[in-house]
């Protein structure tokens, strides 16, 4: 997961095998798909947790929009 966070590159299939990381990566990609829908992103931005996240990482909205572009 750290490789993905820092490099935007996923591990190769042979590196993952049947590890629990495979499921975690799938869930992470499902999160990007969720935020790719504009309405979901707008709703998420209104939650207290997202407000705290945005205060800690001000560029989060721009990064999410960039990562979820079609």
Protein backbone atom coordinates (compact mmCIF):
# COMPACT_ATOMS: atom_id res chain seq x y z
CA UNK A 1 0.00 0.00 0.00
CA UNK A 2 2.85 2.39 0.76
CA UNK A 3 4.25 1.88 -2.73
CA UNK A 4 0.86 2.88 -4.15
CA UNK A 5 0.60 5.93 -1.90
CA UNK A 6 4.06 7.21 -2.76
CA UNK A 7 4.38 6.17 -6.39
CA UNK A 8 0.84 5.62 -7.71
CA UNK A 9 2.04 2.22 -8.87
CA UNK A 10 0.35 -1.04 -7.91
CA UNK A 11 2.37 -4.17 -7.14
CA UNK A 12 2.54 -6.77 -9.89
CA UNK A 13 0.24 -9.79 -9.58
CA UNK A 14 3.12 -12.13 -8.83
CA UNK A 15 4.14 -9.92 -5.90
CA UNK A 16 0.69 -10.11 -4.34
CA UNK A 17 -0.30 -13.72 -4.85
CA UNK A 18 -3.22 -14.54 -2.56
CA UNK A 19 -2.13 -12.22 0.23
CA UNK A 20 -4.52 -10.09 2.30
CA UNK A 21 -2.96 -7.10 0.54
CA UNK A 22 -4.85 -8.09 -2.62
CA UNK A 23 -8.20 -7.52 -0.91
CA UNK A 24 -6.95 -4.30 0.68
CA UNK A 25 -5.86 -2.94 -2.71
CA UNK A 26 -9.23 -3.88 -4.18
CA UNK A 27 -10.97 -1.94 -1.40
CA UNK A 28 -8.67 1.03 -1.94
CA UNK A 29 -9.50 1.12 -5.65
CA UNK A 30 -13.27 0.80 -4.80
CA UNK A 31 -12.76 3.97 -2.62
CA UNK A 32 -11.40 5.86 -5.64
CA UNK A 33 -14.36 4.70 -7.69
CA UNK A 34 -16.72 5.98 -5.00
CA UNK A 35 -15.10 9.41 -4.91
CA UNK A 36 -14.98 9.57 -8.70
CA UNK A 37 -18.72 10.21 -8.60
CA UNK A 38 -19.05 13.97 -8.06
CA UNK A 39 -22.12 13.64 -5.82
CA UNK A 40 -20.35 11.20 -3.49
CA UNK A 41 -17.36 13.52 -3.18
CA UNK A 42 -19.64 16.46 -2.36
CA UNK A 43 -21.43 14.48 0.35
CA UNK A 44 -18.17 13.21 1.83
CA UNK A 45 -16.77 16.74 2.05
CA UNK A 46 -19.59 17.67 4.43
CA UNK A 47 -18.69 15.07 7.07
CA UNK A 48 -16.76 16.04 10.20
CA UNK A 49 -14.05 13.47 9.50
CA UNK A 50 -13.48 14.82 6.01
CA UNK A 51 -13.28 18.39 7.35
CA UNK A 52 -10.59 17.25 9.80
CA UNK A 53 -8.77 15.42 6.99
CA UNK A 54 -8.91 18.53 4.82
CA UNK A 55 -7.48 20.68 7.62
CA UNK A 56 -4.60 18.25 8.07
CA UNK A 57 -4.05 17.74 4.32
CA UNK A 58 -5.33 20.86 2.48
CA UNK A 59 -4.62 19.49 -0.99
CA UNK A 60 -6.74 16.37 -0.49
CA UNK A 61 -9.64 17.54 -2.67
CA UNK A 62 -7.40 18.45 -5.60
CA UNK A 63 -5.55 15.15 -5.30
CA UNK A 64 -8.77 13.12 -5.17
CA UNK A 65 -10.13 14.91 -8.23
CA UNK A 66 -6.87 14.35 -10.09
CA UNK A 67 -6.74 10.64 -9.19
CA UNK A 68 -10.36 10.00 -10.12
CA UNK A 69 -10.43 11.73 -13.52
CA UNK A 70 -11.86 9.46 -16.21
